[in-house]
Amino acid sequence: LKSFKRIKIDAGKSKKIKFKLSDDAFNFIDKS
């Protein structure tokens, strides 16, 4: 999990949302 947003959408409606994808989102911890 890298991000989450709680949103409200009425019946029959649409909403655009944006997630920021930071540089370290693709980092990982190695075995050491």
All heavy atoms as atom14 arrays in JSON, in Angstrom:
{
  "sequence": "LKSFKRIKIDAGKSKKIKFKLSDDAFNFIDKS",
  "atom14_mask": [
    [1, 1, 1, 1, 1, 1, 1, 1, 0, 0, 0, 0, 0, 0],
    [1, 1, 1, 1, 1, 1, 1, 1, 1, 0, 0, 0, 0, 0],
    [1, 1, 1, 1, 1, 1, 0, 0, 0, 0, 0, 0, 0, 0],
    [1, 1, 1, 1, 1, 1, 1, 1, 1, 1, 1, 0, 0, 0],
    [1, 1, 1, 1, 1, 1, 1, 1, 1, 0, 0, 0, 0, 0],
    [1, 1, 1, 1, 1, 1, 1, 1, 1, 1, 1, 0, 0, 0],
    [1, 1, 1, 1, 1, 1, 1, 1, 0, 0, 0, 0, 0, 0],
    [1, 1, 1, 1, 1, 1, 1, 1, 1, 0, 0, 0, 0, 0],
    [1, 1, 1, 1, 1, 1, 1, 1, 0, 0, 0, 0, 0, 0],
    [1, 1, 1, 1, 1, 1, 1, 1, 0, 0, 0, 0, 0, 0],
    [1, 1, 1, 1, 1, 0, 0, 0, 0, 0, 0, 0, 0, 0],
    [1, 1, 1, 1, 0, 0, 0, 0, 0, 0, 0, 0, 0, 0],
    [1, 1, 1, 1, 1, 1, 1, 1, 1, 0, 0, 0, 0, 0],
    [1, 1, 1, 1, 1, 1, 0, 0, 0, 0, 0, 0, 0, 0],
    [1, 1, 1, 1, 1, 1, 1, 1, 1, 0, 0, 0, 0, 0],
    [1, 1, 1, 1, 1, 1, 1, 1, 1, 0, 0, 0, 0, 0],
    [1, 1, 1, 1, 1, 1, 1, 1, 0, 0, 0, 0, 0, 0],
    [1, 1, 1, 1, 1, 1, 1, 1, 1, 0, 0, 0, 0, 0],
    [1, 1, 1, 1, 1, 1, 1, 1, 1, 1, 1, 0, 0, 0],
    [1, 1, 1, 1, 1, 1, 1, 1, 1, 0, 0, 0, 0, 0],
    [1, 1, 1, 1, 1, 1, 1, 1, 0, 0, 0, 0, 0, 0],
    [1, 1, 1, 1, 1, 1, 0, 0, 0, 0, 0, 0, 0, 0],
    [1, 1, 1, 1, 1, 1, 1, 1, 0, 0, 0, 0, 0, 0],
    [1, 1, 1, 1, 1, 1, 1, 1, 0, 0, 0, 0, 0, 0],
    [1, 1, 1, 1, 1, 0, 0, 0, 0, 0, 0, 0, 0, 0],
    [1, 1, 1, 1, 1, 1, 1, 1, 1, 1, 1, 0, 0, 0],
    [1, 1, 1, 1, 1, 1, 1, 1, 0, 0, 0, 0, 0, 0],
    [1, 1, 1, 1, 1, 1, 1, 1, 1, 1, 1, 0, 0, 0],
    [1, 1, 1, 1, 1, 1, 1, 1, 0, 0, 0, 0, 0, 0],
    [1, 1, 1, 1, 1, 1, 1, 1, 0, 0, 0, 0, 0, 0],
    [1, 1, 1, 1, 1, 1, 1, 1, 1, 0, 0, 0, 0, 0],
    [1, 1, 1, 1, 1, 1, 0, 0, 0, 0, 0, 0, 0, 0]
  ],
  "atom14_positions": [
    [[0.84, -1.19, 0.0], [0.0, 0.0, 0.0], [0.88, 1.25, 0.0], [1.8, 1.38, 0.82], [-0.9, -0.01, 1.24], [-1.85, 1.18, 1.42], [-2.92, 1.18, 0.32], [-2.51, 1.13, 2.8], [0.0, 0.0, 0.0], [0.0, 0.0, 0.0], [0.0, 0.0, 0.0], [0.0, 0.0, 0.0], [0.0, 0.0, 0.0], [0.0, 0.0, 0.0]],
    [[0.61, 2.17, -0.92], [1.4, 3.39, -1.04], [0.58, 4.65, -0.8], [1.14, 5.71, -0.52], [2.05, 3.46, -2.42], [3.04, 2.34, -2.7], [4.24, 2.39, -1.77], [5.23, 1.29, -2.06], [6.41, 1.32, -1.16], [0.0, 0.0, 0.0], [0.0, 0.0, 0.0], [0.0, 0.0, 0.0], [0.0, 0.0, 0.0], [0.0, 0.0, 0.0]],
    [[-0.74, 4.57, -0.96], [-1.58, 5.74, -0.75], [-3.03, 5.31, -0.66], [-3.39, 4.21, -1.11], [-1.4, 6.75, -1.89], [-2.08, 7.95, -1.61], [0.0, 0.0, 0.0], [0.0, 0.0, 0.0], [0.0, 0.0, 0.0], [0.0, 0.0, 0.0], [0.0, 0.0, 0.0], [0.0, 0.0, 0.0], [0.0, 0.0, 0.0], [0.0, 0.0, 0.0]],
    [[-3.88, 6.15, -0.07], [-5.32, 5.89, -0.04], [-6.06, 7.2, 0.09], [-5.55, 8.18, 0.64], [-5.71, 4.92, 1.1], [-5.23, 5.34, 2.46], [-5.99, 6.2, 3.26], [-4.03, 4.87, 2.96], [-5.56, 6.58, 4.52], [-3.58, 5.26, 4.22], [-4.34, 6.1, 5.0], [0.0, 0.0, 0.0], [0.0, 0.0, 0.0], [0.0, 0.0, 0.0]],
    [[-7.26, 7.22, -0.44], [-8.11, 8.41, -0.37], [-9.54, 8.0, -0.06], [-10.08, 7.11, -0.7], [-8.08, 9.18, -1.7], [-6.79, 9.91, -1.99], [-6.9, 10.7, -3.29], [-5.59, 11.39, -3.63], [-5.29, 12.49, -2.69], [0.0, 0.0, 0.0], [0.0, 0.0, 0.0], [0.0, 0.0, 0.0], [0.0, 0.0, 0.0], [0.0, 0.0, 0.0]],
    [[-10.12, 8.68, 0.9], [-11.54, 8.48, 1.22], [-12.33, 9.5, 0.42], [-12.05, 10.7, 0.5], [-11.78, 8.64, 2.71], [-13.23, 8.57, 3.13], [-13.35, 8.57, 4.64], [-13.24, 7.23, 5.18], [-14.28, 6.39, 5.3], [-15.49, 6.76, 4.87], [-14.12, 5.19, 5.81], [0.0, 0.0, 0.0], [0.0, 0.0, 0.0], [0.0, 0.0, 0.0]],
    [[-13.32, 9.02, -0.36], [-14.07, 9.91, -1.24], [-15.57, 9.72, -1.04], [-16.03, 8.66, -0.61], [-13.72, 9.67, -2.72], [-14.05, 8.23, -3.12], [-12.26, 9.97, -2.98], [-13.91, 7.96, -4.6], [0.0, 0.0, 0.0], [0.0, 0.0, 0.0], [0.0, 0.0, 0.0], [0.0, 0.0, 0.0], [0.0, 0.0, 0.0], [0.0, 0.0, 0.0]],
    [[-16.33, 10.75, -1.38], [-17.79, 10.71, -1.36], [-18.29, 10.9, -2.78], [-17.87, 11.82, -3.47], [-18.36, 11.8, -0.47], [-19.87, 11.79, -0.35], [-20.37, 12.93, 0.54], [-21.88, 12.86, 0.75], [-22.63, 12.96, -0.51], [0.0, 0.0, 0.0], [0.0, 0.0, 0.0], [0.0, 0.0, 0.0], [0.0, 0.0, 0.0], [0.0, 0.0, 0.0]],
    [[-19.16, 9.98, -3.24], [-19.73, 10.08, -4.59], [-21.23, 9.84, -4.52], [-21.68, 8.8, -4.02], [-19.1, 9.06, -5.56], [-17.57, 9.17, -5.57], [-19.63, 9.26, -6.97], [-16.9, 8.22, -6.52], [0.0, 0.0, 0.0], [0.0, 0.0, 0.0], [0.0, 0.0, 0.0], [0.0, 0.0, 0.0], [0.0, 0.0, 0.0], [0.0, 0.0, 0.0]],
    [[-21.99, 10.78, -4.99], [-23.45, 10.64, -5.0], [-23.88, 9.69, -6.11], [-23.15, 9.47, -7.09], [-24.12, 12.0, -5.2], [-23.9, 12.93, -4.02], [-23.53, 12.42, -2.94], [-24.08, 14.15, -4.18], [0.0, 0.0, 0.0], [0.0, 0.0, 0.0], [0.0, 0.0, 0.0], [0.0, 0.0, 0.0], [0.0, 0.0, 0.0], [0.0, 0.0, 0.0]],
    [[-25.06, 9.14, -5.96], [-25.61, 8.2, -6.94], [-25.65, 8.83, -8.32], [-26.09, 9.97, -8.49], [-27.01, 7.76, -6.52], [0.0, 0.0, 0.0], [0.0, 0.0, 0.0], [0.0, 0.0, 0.0], [0.0, 0.0, 0.0], [0.0, 0.0, 0.0], [0.0, 0.0, 0.0], [0.0, 0.0, 0.0], [0.0, 0.0, 0.0], [0.0, 0.0, 0.0]],
    [[-25.14, 8.08, -9.31], [-25.17, 8.55, -10.69], [-24.1, 9.56, -11.05], [-24.03, 10.02, -12.19], [0.0, 0.0, 0.0], [0.0, 0.0, 0.0], [0.0, 0.0, 0.0], [0.0, 0.0, 0.0], [0.0, 0.0, 0.0], [0.0, 0.0, 0.0], [0.0, 0.0, 0.0], [0.0, 0.0, 0.0], [0.0, 0.0, 0.0], [0.0, 0.0, 0.0]],
    [[-23.25, 9.91, -10.09], [-22.23, 10.93, -10.33], [-20.85, 10.3, -10.52], [-20.63, 9.14, -10.19], [-22.18, 11.92, -9.16], [-23.49, 12.65, -8.9], [-23.84, 13.61, -10.03], [-25.1, 14.4, -9.71], [-25.45, 15.35, -10.78], [0.0, 0.0, 0.0], [0.0, 0.0, 0.0], [0.0, 0.0, 0.0], [0.0, 0.0, 0.0], [0.0, 0.0, 0.0]],
    [[-19.93, 11.11, -11.05], [-18.54, 10.69, -11.23], [-17.62, 11.65, -10.51], [-17.97, 12.81, -10.25], [-18.18, 10.65, -12.72], [-18.96, 9.71, -13.41], [0.0, 0.0, 0.0], [0.0, 0.0, 0.0], [0.0, 0.0, 0.0], [0.0, 0.0, 0.0], [0.0, 0.0, 0.0], [0.0, 0.0, 0.0], [0.0, 0.0, 0.0], [0.0, 0.0, 0.0]],
    [[-16.41, 11.18, -10.19], [-15.43, 12.02, -9.53], [-14.03, 11.61, -9.97], [-13.72, 10.42, -10.09], [-15.55, 11.9, -8.01], [-14.56, 12.75, -7.23], [-14.89, 12.79, -5.75], [-16.13, 13.62, -5.46], [-16.35, 13.84, -4.03], [0.0, 0.0, 0.0], [0.0, 0.0, 0.0], [0.0, 0.0, 0.0], [0.0, 0.0, 0.0], [0.0, 0.0, 0.0]],
    [[-13.2, 12.62, -10.26], [-11.81, 12.37, -10.6], [-10.95, 12.51, -9.34], [-11.12, 13.46, -8.58], [-11.33, 13.36, -11.66], [-11.89, 13.11, -13.05], [-11.28, 14.08, -14.06], [-11.85, 13.8, -15.46], [-11.26, 14.71, -16.48], [0.0, 0.0, 0.0], [0.0, 0.0, 0.0], [0.0, 0.0, 0.0], [0.0, 0.0, 0.0], [0.0, 0.0, 0.0]],
    [[-10.05, 11.57, -9.17], [-9.13, 11.67, -8.04], [-7.71, 11.45, -8.55], [-7.49, 10.77, -9.56], [-9.45, 10.67, -6.91], [-9.39, 9.22, -7.41], [-10.8, 10.95, -6.3], [-9.51, 8.2, -6.3], [0.0, 0.0, 0.0], [0.0, 0.0, 0.0], [0.0, 0.0, 0.0], [0.0, 0.0, 0.0], [0.0, 0.0, 0.0], [0.0, 0.0, 0.0]],
    [[-6.76, 12.03, -7.82], [-5.35, 11.9, -8.19], [-4.55, 11.31, -7.04], [-4.78, 11.64, -5.87], [-4.77, 13.27, -8.56], [-5.24, 13.85, -9.88], [-4.53, 15.16, -10.18], [-4.98, 15.74, -11.51], [-4.29, 17.02, -11.83], [0.0, 0.0, 0.0], [0.0, 0.0, 0.0], [0.0, 0.0, 0.0], [0.0, 0.0, 0.0], [0.0, 0.0, 0.0]],
    [[-3.65, 10.42, -7.39], [-2.68, 9.89, -6.44], [-1.3, 10.38, -6.84], [-0.93, 10.33, -8.01], [-2.68, 8.36, -6.44], [-3.9, 7.74, -5.84], [-4.94, 7.28, -6.64], [-4.02, 7.6, -4.46], [-6.06, 6.7, -6.09], [-5.15, 7.01, -3.9], [-6.17, 6.56, -4.71], [0.0, 0.0, 0.0], [0.0, 0.0, 0.0], [0.0, 0.0, 0.0]],
    [[-0.54, 10.83, -5.85], [0.84, 11.24, -6.12], [1.73, 10.0, -6.0], [1.65, 9.25, -5.03], [1.27, 12.31, -5.13], [2.65, 12.88, -5.42], [3.01, 14.0, -4.44], [2.17, 15.23, -4.69], [2.6, 16.37, -3.83], [0.0, 0.0, 0.0], [0.0, 0.0, 0.0], [0.0, 0.0, 0.0], [0.0, 0.0, 0.0], [0.0, 0.0, 0.0]],
    [[2.55, 9.81, -6.99], [3.44, 8.66, -7.04], [4.87, 9.15, -6.8], [5.53, 9.61, -7.74], [3.32, 7.98, -8.41], [3.78, 6.53, -8.54], [2.98, 5.62, -7.62], [3.65, 6.07, -9.98], [0.0, 0.0, 0.0], [0.0, 0.0, 0.0], [0.0, 0.0, 0.0], [0.0, 0.0, 0.0], [0.0, 0.0, 0.0], [0.0, 0.0, 0.0]],
    [[5.31, 9.11, -5.57], [6.61, 9.66, -5.22], [7.74, 8.76, -5.71], [7.54, 7.58, -6.01], [6.73, 9.86, -3.71], [6.56, 8.63, -3.04], [0.0, 0.0, 0.0], [0.0, 0.0, 0.0], [0.0, 0.0, 0.0], [0.0, 0.0, 0.0], [0.0, 0.0, 0.0], [0.0, 0.0, 0.0], [0.0, 0.0, 0.0], [0.0, 0.0, 0.0]],
    [[8.92, 9.32, -5.76], [10.08, 8.61, -6.27], [10.37, 7.34, -5.47], [10.77, 6.31, -6.03], [11.3, 9.55, -6.23], [12.58, 8.85, -6.64], [12.62, 8.29, -7.74], [13.54, 8.86, -5.84], [0.0, 0.0, 0.0], [0.0, 0.0, 0.0], [0.0, 0.0, 0.0], [0.0, 0.0, 0.0], [0.0, 0.0, 0.0], [0.0, 0.0, 0.0]],
    [[10.16, 7.38, -4.15], [10.5, 6.22, -3.33], [9.4, 5.16, -3.29], [9.53, 4.16, -2.58], [10.84, 6.66, -1.9], [9.68, 7.34, -1.2], [8.59, 7.45, -1.79], [9.86, 7.79, -0.04], [0.0, 0.0, 0.0], [0.0, 0.0, 0.0], [0.0, 0.0, 0.0], [0.0, 0.0, 0.0], [0.0, 0.0, 0.0], [0.0, 0.0, 0.0]],
    [[8.34, 5.34, -4.05], [7.25, 4.36, -4.07], [7.72, 3.01, -4.6], [7.08, 1.98, -4.35], [6.09, 4.87, -4.92], [0.0, 0.0, 0.0], [0.0, 0.0, 0.0], [0.0, 0.0, 0.0], [0.0, 0.0, 0.0], [0.0, 0.0, 0.0], [0.0, 0.0, 0.0], [0.0, 0.0, 0.0], [0.0, 0.0, 0.0], [0.0, 0.0, 0.0]],
    [[8.82, 3.0, -5.35], [9.32, 1.77, -5.95], [10.57, 1.25, -5.25], [11.26, 0.37, -5.76], [9.58, 2.0, -7.45], [8.36, 2.44, -8.19], [8.12, 3.8, -8.41], [7.4, 1.54, -8.61], [6.98, 4.22, -9.07], [6.26, 1.95, -9.27], [6.04, 3.29, -9.49], [0.0, 0.0, 0.0], [0.0, 0.0, 0.0], [0.0, 0.0, 0.0]],
    [[10.85, 1.79, -4.08], [11.97, 1.29, -3.28], [11.56, 0.01, -2.57], [10.37, -0.25, -2.36], [12.41, 2.33, -2.26], [13.1, 3.52, -2.9], [13.18, 3.62, -4.12], [13.58, 4.43, -2.07], [0.0, 0.0, 0.0], [0.0, 0.0, 0.0], [0.0, 0.0, 0.0], [0.0, 0.0, 0.0], [0.0, 0.0, 0.0], [0.0, 0.0, 0.0]],
    [[12.55, -0.77, -2.18], [12.28, -1.98, -1.41], [13.41, -2.17, -0.41], [14.48, -1.56, -0.52], [12.17, -3.2, -2.33], [13.45, -3.55, -3.05], [14.33, -4.49, -2.53], [13.79, -2.93, -4.24], [15.51, -4.81, -3.16], [14.97, -3.23, -4.9], [15.85, -4.17, -4.36], [0.0, 0.0, 0.0], [0.0, 0.0, 0.0], [0.0, 0.0, 0.0]],
    [[13.17, -3.0, 0.59], [14.18, -3.34, 1.59], [14.81, -4.66, 1.18], [14.11, -5.65, 0.99], [13.56, -3.45, 3.0], [12.84, -2.16, 3.38], [14.63, -3.82, 4.02], [13.72, -0.95, 3.49], [0.0, 0.0, 0.0], [0.0, 0.0, 0.0], [0.0, 0.0, 0.0], [0.0, 0.0, 0.0], [0.0, 0.0, 0.0], [0.0, 0.0, 0.0]],
    [[16.13, -4.67, 1.06], [16.78, -5.93, 0.65], [16.99, -6.83, 1.87], [16.62, -6.48, 3.0], [18.08, -5.66, -0.11], [19.19, -5.1, 0.77], [19.07, -5.11, 2.01], [20.19, -4.63, 0.2], [0.0, 0.0, 0.0], [0.0, 0.0, 0.0], [0.0, 0.0, 0.0], [0.0, 0.0, 0.0], [0.0, 0.0, 0.0], [0.0, 0.0, 0.0]],
    [[17.61, -7.98, 1.64], [17.72, -8.98, 2.7], [18.63, -8.55, 3.84], [18.57, -9.12, 4.94], [18.19, -10.3, 2.1], [17.15, -10.93, 1.17], [17.64, -12.22, 0.55], [16.58, -12.78, -0.41], [17.01, -14.03, -1.07], [0.0, 0.0, 0.0], [0.0, 0.0, 0.0], [0.0, 0.0, 0.0], [0.0, 0.0, 0.0], [0.0, 0.0, 0.0]],
    [[19.45, -7.54, 3.61], [20.32, -7.04, 4.67], [19.7, -5.87, 5.42], [20.31, -5.31, 6.32], [21.68, -6.63, 4.09], [21.52, -5.56, 3.18], [0.0, 0.0, 0.0], [0.0, 0.0, 0.0], [0.0, 0.0, 0.0], [0.0, 0.0, 0.0], [0.0, 0.0, 0.0], [0.0, 0.0, 0.0], [0.0, 0.0, 0.0], [0.0, 0.0, 0.0]]
  ]
}
